[in-house]
């Protein structure tokens, strides 16, 4: 069973970024011996900036700090 504190899913219905671009920039992680594509940090920031939700704005601040700390895109 997944550690729920480690894996979080965020679903955004409307993306300002074309699907092919998201696919080209995707990062992959392994889950139960399968490679799962996830959106890059930079693309996720752009997607979250398109919403006006307070949680998304807070997420953008955190995601930007990840990029500043040199963690993987």
PDB file of N, CA and C in Angstrom:
ATOM      1  N   UNK A   1       0.839  -1.193   0.000  1.00  0.00           N
ATOM      2  CA  UNK A   1       0.000   0.000   0.000  1.00  0.00           C
ATOM      3  C   UNK A   1       0.881   1.252   0.000  1.00  0.00           C
ATOM      4  N   UNK A   2       0.447   2.272  -0.732  1.00  0.00           N
ATOM      5  CA  UNK A   2       1.231   3.499  -0.831  1.00  0.00           C
ATOM      6  C   UNK A   2       1.234   4.267   0.472  1.00  0.00           C
ATOM      7  N   UNK A   3       2.351   4.870   0.775  1.00  0.00           N
ATOM      8  CA  UNK A   3       2.440   5.790   1.897  1.00  0.00           C
ATOM      9  C   UNK A   3       1.723   7.069   1.472  1.00  0.00           C
ATOM     10  N   UNK A   4       0.549   7.328   2.017  1.00  0.00           N
ATOM     11  CA  UNK A   4      -0.282   8.441   1.563  1.00  0.00           C
ATOM     12  C   UNK A   4       0.362   9.800   1.800  1.00  0.00           C
ATOM     13  N   UNK A   5       1.280   9.909   2.702  1.00  0.00           N
ATOM     14  CA  UNK A   5       1.955  11.180   2.933  1.00  0.00           C
ATOM     15  C   UNK A   5       3.048  11.416   1.892  1.00  0.00           C
ATOM     16  N   UNK A   6       3.458  10.380   1.205  1.00  0.00           N
ATOM     17  CA  UNK A   6       4.538  10.507   0.239  1.00  0.00           C
ATOM     18  C   UNK A   6       4.027  10.803  -1.163  1.00  0.00           C
ATOM     19  N   UNK A   7       2.883  10.262  -1.535  1.00  0.00           N
ATOM     20  CA  UNK A   7       2.345  10.413  -2.881  1.00  0.00           C
ATOM     21  C   UNK A   7       1.063  11.230  -2.835  1.00  0.00           C
ATOM     22  N   UNK A   8       1.054  12.313  -3.561  1.00  0.00           N
ATOM     23  CA  UNK A   8      -0.115  13.179  -3.625  1.00  0.00           C
ATOM     24  C   UNK A   8      -0.473  13.378  -5.082  1.00  0.00           C
ATOM     25  N   UNK A   9      -1.747  13.334  -5.366  1.00  0.00           N
ATOM     26  CA  UNK A   9      -2.214  13.548  -6.731  1.00  0.00           C
ATOM     27  C   UNK A   9      -2.996  14.852  -6.788  1.00  0.00           C
ATOM     28  N   UNK A  10      -2.748  15.635  -7.801  1.00  0.00           N
ATOM     29  CA  UNK A  10      -3.456  16.894  -8.004  1.00  0.00           C
ATOM     30  C   UNK A  10      -4.025  16.848  -9.413  1.00  0.00           C
ATOM     31  N   UNK A  11      -5.317  17.014  -9.540  1.00  0.00           N
ATOM     32  CA  UNK A  11      -5.965  16.938 -10.846  1.00  0.00           C
ATOM     33  C   UNK A  11      -6.387  18.335 -11.275  1.00  0.00           C
ATOM     34  N   UNK A  12      -5.849  18.769 -12.409  1.00  0.00           N
ATOM     35  CA  UNK A  12      -6.230  20.055 -12.987  1.00  0.00           C
ATOM     36  C   UNK A  12      -6.937  19.761 -14.302  1.00  0.00           C
ATOM     37  N   UNK A  13      -8.144  20.251 -14.433  1.00  0.00           N
ATOM     38  CA  UNK A  13      -8.968  19.929 -15.595  1.00  0.00           C
ATOM     39  C   UNK A  13      -8.575  20.741 -16.821  1.00  0.00           C
ATOM     40  N   UNK A  14      -8.261  21.999 -16.630  1.00  0.00           N
ATOM     41  CA  UNK A  14      -7.957  22.888 -17.749  1.00  0.00           C
ATOM     42  C   UNK A  14      -6.492  23.303 -17.666  1.00  0.00           C
ATOM     43  N   UNK A  15      -5.720  22.953 -18.669  1.00  0.00           N
ATOM     44  CA  UNK A  15      -4.294  23.271 -18.660  1.00  0.00           C
ATOM     45  C   UNK A  15      -3.972  24.338 -19.696  1.00  0.00           C
ATOM     46  N   UNK A  16      -3.181  25.340 -19.302  1.00  0.00           N
ATOM     47  CA  UNK A  16      -2.747  26.346 -20.273  1.00  0.00           C
ATOM     48  C   UNK A  16      -1.620  25.831 -21.171  1.00  0.00           C
ATOM     49  N   UNK A  17      -1.149  24.628 -20.892  1.00  0.00           N
ATOM     50  CA  UNK A  17      -0.025  24.047 -21.626  1.00  0.00           C
ATOM     51  C   UNK A  17      -0.550  22.910 -22.498  1.00  0.00           C
ATOM     52  N   UNK A  18      -0.212  22.898 -23.782  1.00  0.00           N
ATOM     53  CA  UNK A  18      -0.654  21.802 -24.644  1.00  0.00           C
ATOM     54  C   UNK A  18      -0.167  20.443 -24.119  1.00  0.00           C
ATOM     55  N   UNK A  19      -1.006  19.429 -24.294  1.00  0.00           N
ATOM     56  CA  UNK A  19      -0.702  18.090 -23.796  1.00  0.00           C
ATOM     57  C   UNK A  19       0.660  17.595 -24.275  1.00  0.00           C
ATOM     58  N   UNK A  20       0.966  17.796 -25.542  1.00  0.00           N
ATOM     59  CA  UNK A  20       2.235  17.294 -26.077  1.00  0.00           C
ATOM     60  C   UNK A  20       3.426  17.909 -25.342  1.00  0.00           C
ATOM     61  N   UNK A  21       3.325  19.188 -24.994  1.00  0.00           N
ATOM     62  CA  UNK A  21       4.404  19.833 -24.228  1.00  0.00           C
ATOM     63  C   UNK A  21       4.540  19.190 -22.847  1.00  0.00           C
ATOM     64  N   UNK A  22       3.405  18.943 -22.201  1.00  0.00           N
ATOM     65  CA  UNK A  22       3.438  18.292 -20.886  1.00  0.00           C
ATOM     66  C   UNK A  22       4.077  16.914 -20.992  1.00  0.00           C
ATOM     67  N   UNK A  23       3.713  16.195 -22.031  1.00  0.00           N
ATOM     68  CA  UNK A  23       4.262  14.851 -22.247  1.00  0.00           C
ATOM     69  C   UNK A  23       5.766  14.909 -22.497  1.00  0.00           C
ATOM     70  N   UNK A  24       6.202  15.880 -23.309  1.00  0.00           N
ATOM     71  CA  UNK A  24       7.631  16.019 -23.618  1.00  0.00           C
ATOM     72  C   UNK A  24       8.461  16.356 -22.384  1.00  0.00           C
ATOM     73  N   UNK A  25       7.880  17.094 -21.440  1.00  0.00           N
ATOM     74  CA  UNK A  25       8.606  17.528 -20.238  1.00  0.00           C
ATOM     75  C   UNK A  25       8.396  16.592 -19.049  1.00  0.00           C
ATOM     76  N   UNK A  26       7.582  15.568 -19.216  1.00  0.00           N
ATOM     77  CA  UNK A  26       7.199  14.699 -18.094  1.00  0.00           C
ATOM     78  C   UNK A  26       8.412  14.046 -17.438  1.00  0.00           C
ATOM     79  N   UNK A  27       8.290  13.855 -16.140  1.00  0.00           N
ATOM     80  CA  UNK A  27       9.257  13.092 -15.357  1.00  0.00           C
ATOM     81  C   UNK A  27       8.599  11.748 -15.048  1.00  0.00           C
ATOM     82  N   UNK A  28       9.397  10.742 -14.772  1.00  0.00           N
ATOM     83  CA  UNK A  28       8.849   9.412 -14.516  1.00  0.00           C
ATOM     84  C   UNK A  28       9.323   8.905 -13.163  1.00  0.00           C
ATOM     85  N   UNK A  29       8.413   8.263 -12.444  1.00  0.00           N
ATOM     86  CA  UNK A  29       8.813   7.579 -11.225  1.00  0.00           C
ATOM     87  C   UNK A  29       8.220   6.183 -11.257  1.00  0.00           C
ATOM     88  N   UNK A  30       8.821   5.311 -10.486  1.00  0.00           N
ATOM     89  CA  UNK A  30       8.401   3.916 -10.506  1.00  0.00           C
ATOM     90  C   UNK A  30       7.403   3.653  -9.390  1.00  0.00           C
ATOM     91  N   UNK A  31       6.315   3.004  -9.761  1.00  0.00           N
ATOM     92  CA  UNK A  31       5.263   2.652  -8.820  1.00  0.00           C
ATOM     93  C   UNK A  31       4.828   1.222  -9.129  1.00  0.00           C
ATOM     94  N   UNK A  32       5.057   0.341  -8.195  1.00  0.00           N
ATOM     95  CA  UNK A  32       4.696  -1.075  -8.396  1.00  0.00           C
ATOM     96  C   UNK A  32       5.255  -1.616  -9.708  1.00  0.00           C
ATOM     97  N   UNK A  33       6.524  -1.362  -9.948  1.00  0.00           N
ATOM     98  CA  UNK A  33       7.238  -1.841 -11.140  1.00  0.00           C
ATOM     99  C   UNK A  33       6.736  -1.240 -12.452  1.00  0.00           C
ATOM    100  N   UNK A  34       6.019  -0.149 -12.380  1.00  0.00           N
ATOM    101  CA  UNK A  34       5.556   0.563 -13.576  1.00  0.00           C
ATOM    102  C   UNK A  34       6.120   1.977 -13.551  1.00  0.00           C
ATOM    103  N   UNK A  35       6.494   2.485 -14.717  1.00  0.00           N
ATOM    104  CA  UNK A  35       6.945   3.873 -14.808  1.00  0.00           C
ATOM    105  C   UNK A  35       5.727   4.757 -15.026  1.00  0.00           C
ATOM    106  N   UNK A  36       5.545   5.710 -14.125  1.00  0.00           N
ATOM    107  CA  UNK A  36       4.376   6.587 -14.152  1.00  0.00           C
ATOM    108  C   UNK A  36       4.828   7.999 -14.516  1.00  0.00           C
ATOM    109  N   UNK A  37       4.245   8.591 -15.573  1.00  0.00           N
ATOM    110  CA  UNK A  37       4.627   9.956 -15.939  1.00  0.00           C
ATOM    111  C   UNK A  37       3.956  10.970 -15.018  1.00  0.00           C
ATOM    112  N   UNK A  38       4.715  11.986 -14.644  1.00  0.00           N
ATOM    113  CA  UNK A  38       4.173  13.101 -13.858  1.00  0.00           C
ATOM    114  C   UNK A  38       4.639  14.402 -14.496  1.00  0.00           C
ATOM    115  N   UNK A  39       3.852  15.420 -14.309  1.00  0.00           N
ATOM    116  CA  UNK A  39       4.168  16.717 -14.893  1.00  0.00           C
ATOM    117  C   UNK A  39       5.435  17.282 -14.236  1.00  0.00           C
ATOM    118  N   UNK A  40       6.231  18.012 -14.998  1.00  0.00           N
ATOM    119  CA  UNK A  40       7.447  18.619 -14.441  1.00  0.00           C
ATOM    120  C   UNK A  40       7.073  19.725 -13.457  1.00  0.00           C
ATOM    121  N   UNK A  41       7.991  20.065 -12.577  1.00  0.00           N
ATOM    122  CA  UNK A  41       7.744  21.121 -11.590  1.00  0.00           C
ATOM    123  C   UNK A  41       7.449  22.438 -12.299  1.00  0.00           C
ATOM    124  N   UNK A  42       8.223  22.777 -13.312  1.00  0.00           N
ATOM    125  CA  UNK A  42       7.994  24.041 -14.032  1.00  0.00           C
ATOM    126  C   UNK A  42       6.612  24.077 -14.685  1.00  0.00           C
ATOM    127  N   UNK A  43       6.208  22.976 -15.300  1.00  0.00           N
ATOM    128  CA  UNK A  43       4.882  22.941 -15.919  1.00  0.00           C
ATOM    129  C   UNK A  43       3.783  22.992 -14.862  1.00  0.00           C
ATOM    130  N   UNK A  44       3.985  22.321 -13.749  1.00  0.00           N
ATOM    131  CA  UNK A  44       2.989  22.351 -12.682  1.00  0.00           C
ATOM    132  C   UNK A  44       2.818  23.767 -12.140  1.00  0.00           C
ATOM    133  N   UNK A  45       3.918  24.487 -12.002  1.00  0.00           N
ATOM    134  CA  UNK A  45       3.832  25.881 -11.560  1.00  0.00           C
ATOM    135  C   UNK A  45       2.980  26.684 -12.534  1.00  0.00           C
ATOM    136  N   UNK A  46       3.259  26.549 -13.813  1.00  0.00           N
ATOM    137  CA  UNK A  46       2.489  27.299 -14.813  1.00  0.00           C
ATOM    138  C   UNK A  46       1.008  26.920 -14.768  1.00  0.00           C
ATOM    139  N   UNK A  47       0.724  25.651 -14.597  1.00  0.00           N
ATOM    140  CA  UNK A  47      -0.665  25.203 -14.531  1.00  0.00           C
ATOM    141  C   UNK A  47      -1.369  25.771 -13.301  1.00  0.00           C
ATOM    142  N   UNK A  48      -0.689  25.768 -12.167  1.00  0.00           N
ATOM    143  CA  UNK A  48      -1.297  26.259 -10.935  1.00  0.00           C
ATOM    144  C   UNK A  48      -1.457  27.779 -10.938  1.00  0.00           C
ATOM    145  N   UNK A  49      -0.588  28.488 -11.651  1.00  0.00           N
ATOM    146  CA  UNK A  49      -0.734  29.938 -11.750  1.00  0.00           C
ATOM    147  C   UNK A  49      -1.996  30.320 -12.521  1.00  0.00           C
ATOM    148  N   UNK A  50      -2.515  29.399 -13.300  1.00  0.00           N
ATOM    149  CA  UNK A  50      -3.710  29.647 -14.106  1.00  0.00           C
ATOM    150  C   UNK A  50      -4.993  29.593 -13.273  1.00  0.00           C
ATOM    151  N   UNK A  51      -4.914  29.088 -12.055  1.00  0.00           N
ATOM    152  CA  UNK A  51      -6.089  29.014 -11.180  1.00  0.00           C
ATOM    153  C   UNK A  51      -6.043  30.189 -10.211  1.00  0.00           C
ATOM    154  N   UNK A  52      -7.102  30.372  -9.488  1.00  0.00           N
ATOM    155  CA  UNK A  52      -7.123  31.443  -8.484  1.00  0.00           C
ATOM    156  C   UNK A  52      -7.342  30.879  -7.088  1.00  0.00           C
ATOM    157  N   UNK A  53      -7.120  29.589  -6.931  1.00  0.00           N
ATOM    158  CA  UNK A  53      -7.315  28.956  -5.634  1.00  0.00           C
ATOM    159  C   UNK A  53      -6.157  29.284  -4.696  1.00  0.00           C
ATOM    160  N   UNK A  54      -6.492  29.564  -3.454  1.00  0.00           N
ATOM    161  CA  UNK A  54      -5.472  29.883  -2.450  1.00  0.00           C
ATOM    162  C   UNK A  54      -4.473  28.736  -2.295  1.00  0.00           C
ATOM    163  N   UNK A  55      -4.949  27.503  -2.317  1.00  0.00           N
ATOM    164  CA  UNK A  55      -4.047  26.356  -2.160  1.00  0.00           C
ATOM    165  C   UNK A  55      -3.062  26.272  -3.314  1.00  0.00           C
ATOM    166  N   UNK A  56      -3.514  26.565  -4.530  1.00  0.00           N
ATOM    167  CA  UNK A  56      -2.607  26.525  -5.679  1.00  0.00           C
ATOM    168  C   UNK A  56      -1.532  27.603  -5.571  1.00  0.00           C
ATOM    169  N   UNK A  57      -1.898  28.782  -5.077  1.00  0.00           N
ATOM    170  CA  UNK A  57      -0.908  29.853  -4.886  1.00  0.00           C
ATOM    171  C   UNK A  57       0.131  29.420  -3.845  1.00  0.00           C
ATOM    172  N   UNK A  58      -0.325  28.797  -2.766  1.00  0.00           N
ATOM    173  CA  UNK A  58       0.605  28.283  -1.750  1.00  0.00           C
ATOM    174  C   UNK A  58       1.489  27.191  -2.347  1.00  0.00           C
ATOM    175  N   UNK A  59       0.898  26.338  -3.167  1.00  0.00           N
ATOM    176  CA  UNK A  59       1.676  25.285  -3.827  1.00  0.00           C
ATOM    177  C   UNK A  59       2.755  25.877  -4.724  1.00  0.00           C
ATOM    178  N   UNK A  60       2.429  26.948  -5.443  1.00  0.00           N
ATOM    179  CA  UNK A  60       3.399  27.596  -6.336  1.00  0.00           C
ATOM    180  C   UNK A  60       4.591  28.105  -5.535  1.00  0.00           C
ATOM    181  N   UNK A  61       4.333  28.705  -4.385  1.00  0.00           N
ATOM    182  CA  UNK A  61       5.444  29.184  -3.538  1.00  0.00           C
ATOM    183  C   UNK A  61       6.363  28.023  -3.159  1.00  0.00           C
ATOM    184  N   UNK A  62       5.759  26.922  -2.753  1.00  0.00           N
ATOM    185  CA  UNK A  62       6.553  25.751  -2.356  1.00  0.00           C
ATOM    186  C   UNK A  62       7.312  25.169  -3.555  1.00  0.00           C
ATOM    187  N   UNK A  63       6.646  25.065  -4.687  1.00  0.00           N
ATOM    188  CA  UNK A  63       7.294  24.514  -5.882  1.00  0.00           C
ATOM    189  C   UNK A  63       8.463  25.381  -6.331  1.00  0.00           C
ATOM    190  N   UNK A  64       8.305  26.689  -6.242  1.00  0.00           N
ATOM    191  CA  UNK A  64       9.413  27.589  -6.603  1.00  0.00           C
ATOM    192  C   UNK A  64      10.593  27.398  -5.661  1.00  0.00           C
ATOM    193  N   UNK A  65      10.318  27.141  -4.386  1.00  0.00           N
ATOM    194  CA  UNK A  65      11.420  26.908  -3.439  1.00  0.00           C
ATOM    195  C   UNK A  65      12.148  25.609  -3.782  1.00  0.00           C
ATOM    196  N   UNK A  66      11.421  24.629  -4.293  1.00  0.00           N
ATOM    197  CA  UNK A  66      12.054  23.381  -4.728  1.00  0.00           C
ATOM    198  C   UNK A  66      13.025  23.668  -5.869  1.00  0.00           C
ATOM    199  N   UNK A  67      12.589  24.482  -6.833  1.00  0.00           N
ATOM    200  CA  UNK A  67      13.469  24.822  -7.957  1.00  0.00           C
ATOM    201  C   UNK A  67      14.691  25.602  -7.492  1.00  0.00           C
ATOM    202  N   UNK A  68      14.504  26.508  -6.539  1.00  0.00           N
ATOM    203  CA  UNK A  68      15.632  27.285  -6.018  1.00  0.00           C
ATOM    204  C   UNK A  68      16.646  26.394  -5.321  1.00  0.00           C
ATOM    205  N   UNK A  69      16.146  25.359  -4.652  1.00  0.00           N
ATOM    206  CA  UNK A  69      17.027  24.439  -3.928  1.00  0.00           C
ATOM    207  C   UNK A  69      17.742  23.470  -4.856  1.00  0.00           C
ATOM    208  N   UNK A  70      17.457  23.573  -6.161  1.00  0.00           N
ATOM    209  CA  UNK A  70      18.169  22.759  -7.133  1.00  0.00           C
ATOM    210  C   UNK A  70      17.656  21.349  -7.289  1.00  0.00           C
ATOM    211  N   UNK A  71      16.457  21.088  -6.771  1.00  0.00           N
ATOM    212  CA  UNK A  71      15.908  19.751  -6.949  1.00  0.00           C
ATOM    213  C   UNK A  71      15.496  19.572  -8.396  1.00  0.00           C
ATOM    214  N   UNK A  72      15.320  18.339  -8.793  1.00  0.00           N
ATOM    215  CA  UNK A  72      15.022  18.009 -10.187  1.00  0.00           C
ATOM    216  C   UNK A  72      13.761  18.708 -10.666  1.00  0.00           C
ATOM    217  N   UNK A  73      13.812  19.185 -11.913  1.00  0.00           N
ATOM    218  CA  UNK A  73      12.715  19.884 -12.576  1.00  0.00           C
ATOM    219  C   UNK A  73      11.517  18.979 -12.625  1.00  0.00           C
TER     220      UNK A  73
END
